[in-house]
Structure formats: structure tokens, C-alpha cells
C-alpha atoms as a PDB file:
ATOM      1  CA  MET A   1      51.979 181.924 227.427  1.00  0.00           C
ATOM      2  CA  SER A   2      52.342 178.996 229.701  1.00  0.00           C
ATOM      3  CA  LYS A   3      52.887 179.246 233.405  1.00  0.00           C
ATOM      4  CA  PRO A   4      56.371 178.453 234.605  1.00  0.00           C
ATOM      5  CA  ARG A   5      56.397 175.199 236.527  1.00  0.00           C
ATOM      6  CA  LYS A   6      57.100 175.354 240.187  1.00  0.00           C
ATOM      7  CA  GLN A   7      60.312 173.504 240.880  1.00  0.00           C
ATOM      8  CA  HIS A   8      60.698 171.618 244.113  1.00  0.00           C
ATOM      9  CA  PRO A   9      64.086 171.117 245.711  1.00  0.00           C
ATOM     10  CA  PRO A  10      65.522 167.645 245.203  1.00  0.00           C
ATOM     11  CA  GLU A  11      65.117 165.111 248.000  1.00  0.00           C
ATOM     12  CA  PRO A  12      68.281 164.845 250.114  1.00  0.00           C
ATOM     13  CA  SER A  13      70.224 161.648 249.599  1.00  0.00           C
ATOM     14  CA  LEU A  14      71.493 159.546 252.496  1.00  0.00           C
ATOM     15  CA  GLY A  15      74.935 160.944 251.807  1.00  0.00           C
ATOM     16  CA  ASP A  16      73.623 164.532 252.153  1.00  0.00           C
ATOM     17  CA  ALA A  17      71.962 163.720 255.500  1.00  0.00           C
ATOM     18  CA  GLU A  18      75.191 162.190 256.837  1.00  0.00           C
ATOM     19  CA  LEU A  19      77.195 165.164 255.599  1.00  0.00           C
ATOM     20  CA  PHE A  20      74.771 167.525 257.448  1.00  0.00           C
ATOM     21  CA  ARG A  21      75.119 165.575 260.727  1.00  0.00           C
ATOM     22  CA  GLN A  22      78.904 165.739 260.465  1.00  0.00           C
ATOM     23  CA  ALA A  23      78.802 169.500 259.788  1.00  0.00           C
ATOM     24  CA  VAL A  24      76.473 170.213 262.744  1.00  0.00           C
ATOM     25  CA  GLY A  25      78.244 167.973 265.173  1.00  0.00           C
ATOM     26  CA  PRO A  26      76.837 166.440 268.335  1.00  0.00           C
ATOM     27  CA  VAL A  27      73.501 167.896 269.549  1.00  0.00           C
ATOM     28  CA  ARG A  28      71.454 167.546 272.726  1.00  0.00           C
ATOM     29  CA  GLU A  29      67.742 168.102 273.208  1.00  0.00           C
ATOM     30  CA  LEU A  30      66.676 171.095 275.326  1.00  0.00           C
ATOM     31  CA  ASN A  31      64.300 170.434 278.197  1.00  0.00           C
ATOM     32  CA  VAL A  32      61.983 173.419 277.873  1.00  0.00           C
ATOM     33  CA  THR A  33      58.722 173.059 279.784  1.00  0.00           C
ATOM     34  CA  VAL A  34      57.510 176.658 279.526  1.00  0.00           C
ATOM     35  CA  ASP A  35      57.555 179.093 276.666  1.00  0.00           C
ATOM     36  CA  PRO A  36      60.479 181.427 277.420  1.00  0.00           C
ATOM     37  CA  VAL A  37      58.827 184.371 275.674  1.00  0.00           C
ATOM     38  CA  ARG A  38      55.622 184.066 277.714  1.00  0.00           C
ATOM     39  CA  ALA A  39      57.514 183.432 280.934  1.00  0.00           C
ATOM     40  CA  SER A  40      59.588 186.602 280.495  1.00  0.00           C
ATOM     41  CA  ARG A  41      56.576 188.977 280.370  1.00  0.00           C
ATOM     42  CA  PRO A  42      53.013 188.820 281.675  1.00  0.00           C
ATOM     43  CA  ALA A  43      50.068 188.510 279.302  1.00  0.00           C
ATOM     44  CA  PRO A  44      48.272 191.792 278.588  1.00  0.00           C
ATOM     45  CA  ALA A  45      44.969 192.430 280.332  1.00  0.00           C
ATOM     46  CA  PRO A  46      42.016 191.484 278.123  1.00  0.00           C
ATOM     47  CA  GLU A  47      40.127 194.347 276.497  1.00  0.00           C
ATOM     48  CA  PRO A  48      36.356 194.010 275.979  1.00  0.00           C
ATOM     49  CA  LEU A  49      36.512 195.231 272.379  1.00  0.00           C
ATOM     50  CA  GLN A  50      32.990 194.124 271.425  1.00  0.00           C
ATOM     51  CA  SER A  51      31.454 195.704 274.547  1.00  0.00           C
ATOM     52  CA  LEU A  52      33.266 198.963 273.838  1.00  0.00           C
ATOM     53  CA  ALA A  53      32.080 198.896 270.214  1.00  0.00           C
ATOM     54  CA  ASP A  54      28.484 198.259 271.356  1.00  0.00           C
ATOM     55  CA  GLU A  55      28.657 201.187 273.784  1.00  0.00           C
ATOM     56  CA  ARG A  56      29.976 203.481 271.033  1.00  0.00           C
ATOM     57  CA  GLN A  57      27.114 202.377 268.745  1.00  0.00           C
ATOM     58  CA  VAL A  58      24.536 203.065 271.462  1.00  0.00           C
ATOM     59  CA  LEU A  59      26.035 206.510 272.012  1.00  0.00           C
ATOM     60  CA  ARG A  60      25.917 207.223 268.256  1.00  0.00           C
ATOM     61  CA  GLU A  61      22.269 206.138 268.135  1.00  0.00           C
ATOM     62  CA  LEU A  62      21.369 208.267 271.160  1.00  0.00           C
ATOM     63  CA  LEU A  63      22.981 211.314 269.569  1.00  0.00           C
ATOM     64  CA  SER A  64      21.274 210.582 266.240  1.00  0.00           C
ATOM     65  CA  ASP A  65      18.369 212.681 264.942  1.00  0.00           C
ATOM     66  CA  ASP A  66      16.557 209.513 263.835  1.00  0.00           C
ATOM     67  CA  GLU A  67      12.893 210.015 264.766  1.00  0.00           C
ATOM     68  CA  ALA A  68      12.382 206.378 265.758  1.00  0.00           C
ATOM     69  CA  LEU A  69      15.315 206.488 268.170  1.00  0.00           C
ATOM     70  CA  VAL A  70      14.114 209.739 269.716  1.00  0.00           C
ATOM     71  CA  GLY A  71      10.703 208.141 270.245  1.00  0.00           C
ATOM     72  CA  MET A  72      12.311 205.123 271.884  1.00  0.00           C
ATOM     73  CA  ALA A  73      13.906 207.322 274.529  1.00  0.00           C
ATOM     74  CA  SER A  74      10.496 208.805 275.379  1.00  0.00           C
ATOM     75  CA  GLY A  75       8.785 205.406 275.633  1.00  0.00           C
ATOM     76  CA  GLU A  76       6.530 205.845 272.582  1.00  0.00           C
ATOM     77  CA  VAL A  77       8.430 203.305 270.512  1.00  0.00           C
ATOM     78  CA  LEU A  78       7.979 199.591 271.092  1.00  0.00           C
ATOM     79  CA  ALA A  79      11.090 197.437 271.018  1.00  0.00           C
ATOM     80  CA  HIS A  80      11.858 193.961 272.301  1.00  0.00           C
ATOM     81  CA  LEU A  81      14.409 191.249 271.547  1.00  0.00           C
ATOM     82  CA  GLN A  82      14.180 187.717 272.915  1.00  0.00           C
ATOM     83  CA  ASP A  83      17.106 186.559 275.044  1.00  0.00           C
ATOM     84  CA  GLY A  84      19.915 184.872 273.169  1.00  0.00           C
ATOM     85  CA  TYR A  85      19.693 186.895 269.956  1.00  0.00           C
ATOM     86  CA  PRO A  86      22.287 189.506 268.939  1.00  0.00           C
ATOM     87  CA  PRO A  87      21.189 193.175 269.233  1.00  0.00           C
ATOM     88  CA  ARG A  88      22.198 193.749 265.609  1.00  0.00           C
ATOM     89  CA  LEU A  89      19.002 191.938 264.507  1.00  0.00           C
ATOM     90  CA  LEU A  90      16.861 194.600 266.176  1.00  0.00           C
ATOM     91  CA  ARG A  91      18.993 197.407 264.688  1.00  0.00           C
ATOM     92  CA  GLN A  92      18.674 195.871 261.223  1.00  0.00           C
ATOM     93  CA  LEU A  93      14.905 195.525 261.674  1.00  0.00           C
ATOM     94  CA  ARG A  94      14.622 199.138 262.875  1.00  0.00           C
ATOM     95  CA  ARG A  95      16.631 200.370 259.882  1.00  0.00           C
ATOM     96  CA  GLY A  96      14.392 198.556 257.399  1.00  0.00           C
ATOM     97  CA  GLN A  97      16.958 195.988 256.266  1.00  0.00           C
ATOM     98  CA  TYR A  98      14.356 193.205 256.107  1.00  0.00           C
ATOM     99  CA  VAL A  99      11.664 192.890 253.445  1.00  0.00           C
ATOM    100  CA  ILE A 100       8.154 193.124 254.892  1.00  0.00           C
ATOM    101  CA  GLU A 101       6.416 189.981 253.643  1.00  0.00           C
ATOM    102  CA  ALA A 102       2.970 190.341 255.239  1.00  0.00           C
ATOM    103  CA  GLU A 103       0.880 192.997 256.958  1.00  0.00           C
ATOM    104  CA  LEU A 104      -2.026 193.104 259.402  1.00  0.00           C
ATOM    105  CA  ASP A 105      -4.137 196.176 260.160  1.00  0.00           C
ATOM    106  CA  LEU A 106      -5.868 196.089 263.562  1.00  0.00           C
ATOM    107  CA  HIS A 107      -7.660 199.454 263.168  1.00  0.00           C
ATOM    108  CA  HIS A 108     -11.330 199.505 264.171  1.00  0.00           C
ATOM    109  CA  LEU A 109     -11.158 196.181 266.048  1.00  0.00           C
ATOM    110  CA  ARG A 110     -12.006 195.715 269.700  1.00  0.00           C
ATOM    111  CA  GLN A 111      -9.222 194.382 271.899  1.00  0.00           C
ATOM    112  CA  HIS A 112     -10.544 190.788 272.176  1.00  0.00           C
ATOM    113  CA  GLN A 113     -11.132 190.666 268.396  1.00  0.00           C
ATOM    114  CA  ALA A 114      -7.683 192.092 267.681  1.00  0.00           C
ATOM    115  CA  ARG A 115      -6.027 189.519 269.976  1.00  0.00           C
ATOM    116  CA  ALA A 116      -7.717 186.632 268.127  1.00  0.00           C
ATOM    117  CA  VAL A 117      -6.930 188.075 264.680  1.00  0.00           C
ATOM    118  CA  LEU A 118      -3.302 188.692 265.699  1.00  0.00           C
ATOM    119  CA  GLY A 119      -2.906 185.100 266.939  1.00  0.00           C
ATOM    120  CA  ARG A 120      -4.249 183.688 263.662  1.00  0.00           C
ATOM    121  CA  PHE A 121      -2.092 186.088 261.635  1.00  0.00           C
ATOM    122  CA  LEU A 122       1.084 185.018 263.457  1.00  0.00           C
ATOM    123  CA  ALA A 123       0.226 181.346 262.920  1.00  0.00           C
ATOM    124  CA  ASP A 124      -0.431 181.970 259.204  1.00  0.00           C
ATOM    125  CA  CYS A 125       2.845 183.870 258.816  1.00  0.00           C
ATOM    126  CA  ARG A 126       4.730 181.040 260.477  1.00  0.00           C
ATOM    127  CA  ARG A 127       3.049 178.493 258.197  1.00  0.00           C
ATOM    128  CA  ASP A 128       3.806 180.613 255.114  1.00  0.00           C
ATOM    129  CA  ARG A 129       7.460 180.979 256.210  1.00  0.00           C
ATOM    130  CA  HIS A 130       7.366 184.767 256.509  1.00  0.00           C
ATOM    131  CA  ARG A 131      10.317 186.246 258.399  1.00  0.00           C
ATOM    132  CA  CYS A 132       9.417 189.948 258.629  1.00  0.00           C
ATOM    133  CA  ILE A 133       5.890 191.270 259.068  1.00  0.00           C
ATOM    134  CA  ARG A 134       4.217 194.590 259.882  1.00  0.00           C
ATOM    135  CA  ILE A 135       1.350 194.964 262.323  1.00  0.00           C
ATOM    136  CA  ILE A 136      -0.531 198.260 262.226  1.00  0.00           C
ATOM    137  CA  HIS A 137      -2.051 198.926 265.648  1.00  0.00           C
ATOM    138  CA  GLY A 138      -2.572 202.688 265.453  1.00  0.00           C
ATOM    139  CA  LYS A 139      -1.675 205.389 267.933  1.00  0.00           C
ATOM    140  CA  GLY A 140      -5.027 205.571 269.723  1.00  0.00           C
ATOM    141  CA  LYS A 141      -7.550 208.387 269.847  1.00  0.00           C
ATOM    142  CA  ASP A 142      -6.434 209.785 273.190  1.00  0.00           C
ATOM    143  CA  ALA A 143      -2.721 210.534 272.927  1.00  0.00           C
ATOM    144  CA  GLY A 144      -2.440 210.934 276.703  1.00  0.00           C
ATOM    145  CA  GLN A 145      -3.762 207.446 277.407  1.00  0.00           C
ATOM    146  CA  GLY A 146      -2.089 205.672 274.492  1.00  0.00           C
ATOM    147  CA  SER A 147      -3.378 202.948 272.232  1.00  0.00           C
ATOM    148  CA  VAL A 148      -5.064 199.940 273.807  1.00  0.00           C
ATOM    149  CA  LEU A 149      -4.262 197.906 270.687  1.00  0.00           C
ATOM    150  CA  LYS A 150      -0.622 198.992 270.808  1.00  0.00           C
ATOM    151  CA  ALA A 151      -0.301 197.803 274.428  1.00  0.00           C
ATOM    152  CA  MET A 152      -2.077 194.519 273.598  1.00  0.00           C
ATOM    153  CA  THR A 153       0.183 193.968 270.570  1.00  0.00           C
ATOM    154  CA  ASP A 154       3.260 194.553 272.749  1.00  0.00           C
ATOM    155  CA  ARG A 155       2.068 192.003 275.355  1.00  0.00           C
ATOM    156  CA  VAL A 156       1.107 189.341 272.805  1.00  0.00           C
ATOM    157  CA  LEU A 157       4.345 189.609 270.813  1.00  0.00           C
ATOM    158  CA  ARG A 158       6.485 189.332 273.965  1.00  0.00           C
ATOM    159  CA  GLN A 159       4.742 186.068 274.853  1.00  0.00           C
ATOM    160  CA  ARG A 160       5.062 184.359 271.479  1.00  0.00           C
ATOM    161  CA  ALA A 161       7.960 181.927 271.107  1.00  0.00           C
ATOM    162  CA  GLU A 162       8.174 182.377 267.330  1.00  0.00           C
ATOM    163  CA  VAL A 163       8.824 186.131 267.696  1.00  0.00           C
ATOM    164  CA  ILE A 164      12.557 186.904 267.741  1.00  0.00           C
ATOM    165  CA  GLY A 165      12.009 190.607 268.235  1.00  0.00           C
ATOM    166  CA  PHE A 166      10.007 193.647 267.236  1.00  0.00           C
ATOM    167  CA  THR A 167      10.351 197.395 267.014  1.00  0.00           C
ATOM    168  CA  SER A 168       8.182 200.323 266.056  1.00  0.00           C
ATOM    169  CA  ALA A 169       8.311 200.970 262.343  1.00  0.00           C
ATOM    170  CA  ARG A 170      10.266 203.708 260.603  1.00  0.00           C
ATOM    171  CA  PRO A 171       8.216 206.842 259.869  1.00  0.00           C
ATOM    172  CA  GLN A 172       7.682 205.810 256.230  1.00  0.00           C
ATOM    173  CA  ASP A 173       6.439 202.368 257.358  1.00  0.00           C
ATOM    174  CA  GLY A 174       3.901 203.629 259.899  1.00  0.00           C
ATOM    175  CA  GLY A 175       6.062 205.084 262.690  1.00  0.00           C
ATOM    176  CA  THR A 176       4.856 204.478 266.229  1.00  0.00           C
ATOM    177  CA  GLY A 177       1.457 203.384 264.877  1.00  0.00           C
ATOM    178  CA  ALA A 178       2.929 200.146 263.528  1.00  0.00           C
ATOM    179  CA  VAL A 179       5.414 197.520 264.590  1.00  0.00           C
ATOM    180  CA  LEU A 180       7.865 195.451 262.519  1.00  0.00           C
ATOM    181  CA  VAL A 181       8.221 191.873 263.712  1.00  0.00           C
ATOM    182  CA  LEU A 182      11.019 189.389 263.017  1.00  0.00           C
ATOM    183  CA  LEU A 183       9.894 185.755 263.161  1.00  0.00           C
ATOM    184  CA  GLN A 184      11.966 182.600 263.546  1.00  0.00           C
ATOM    185  CA  ALA A 185      12.601 180.571 260.450  1.00  0.00           C
ATOM    186  CA  PRO A 186      10.413 177.462 260.436  1.00  0.00           C
ATOM    187  CA  ARG A 187      12.234 174.220 261.139  1.00  0.00           C
END
């Protein structure tokens, strides 16, 4: 079966154009400077649809039973996003939508050692073009005081330009004893 060909109307001849002008009669151009439809009614007030959607999402997350989100409300969960990046990146990272490409375990290191190892690890990950990494810092021995390595990791990651954002890992990825980090793509 062949497709039927699309037929175009024939081009009007000069005689057809003259016949049309005679049928229409004399015309004059309208001087319209404003759109009559817009002038007859005011424009509706703008609605912040994206802001309202973001607020609904935050409310859904706050009402969620997700353990990581509950921990965030109590301050146990680390989370940070550099200015200028959309919040959806952090949500995607928190939900495990990125593949973890490298991992560093800081257990049993002193703070100054851990800081040096973390700096080298971040540089290596950047060089190797890793986008998502996991850093295991532990929860600390004294739950009341918190983890020194966790606090140091939080400070270091906030200061690094190549870090887009980070959040405490999902329970199956280490929970509040680990952090997932999203790095900028190398240029």
C-alpha cells in the first residue's frame, strides 16, 4: 500500500486575485495600537506554582516515615547543598538515585589524619571523574557528644568547591554514620 499524496491547492492566478478584490470591495487598514482582548480585562495575578509544589513536597517529606528524614529533623543527619543548585539534586542523592562510585572509611583515624586522607580522597575522586561517593565517618563512641569525624567531615565538605552537596546516607548505605557526596563533573 502506498501513501496517498498530499495535494496542495493550486496557486491563485492573477485573474483570481482580481476577482477576490472585486468581491471584497474597498478596504481600509485598522489603526490598532493595543490588543483589544488584553485591554478589555486585566491580566490574572501570577501564581507561584513551583514554590507551591516545593512546599507540598517538603510537607510530604516531613510527614514521611523515612528514617533519614526523621533524623534530619532532629539534627543527626548531615545535609548541605551549595548555592545555585536545584534542591532536587539533594533529594535524588538522599533517595539513592546516584551510583556510588568510590568509598572512604575514616574509622580509627585521628582527626588530623582523617582531614588529610579526606582531602586526598576528594582530589583523587575529582581526577578519576567520580560524581557520587560515600564517606564513612562513624557515629562516634559517645552518642551524647557526637562524632568528631562526622563534624570534621561536615566542615571540610562545606568548604570544598567541587562538592555540589551531601547528605547522610540511607540506612542500607550506612545511615547517619556515612555521608553521600555529589561532586561536580570535571571540566
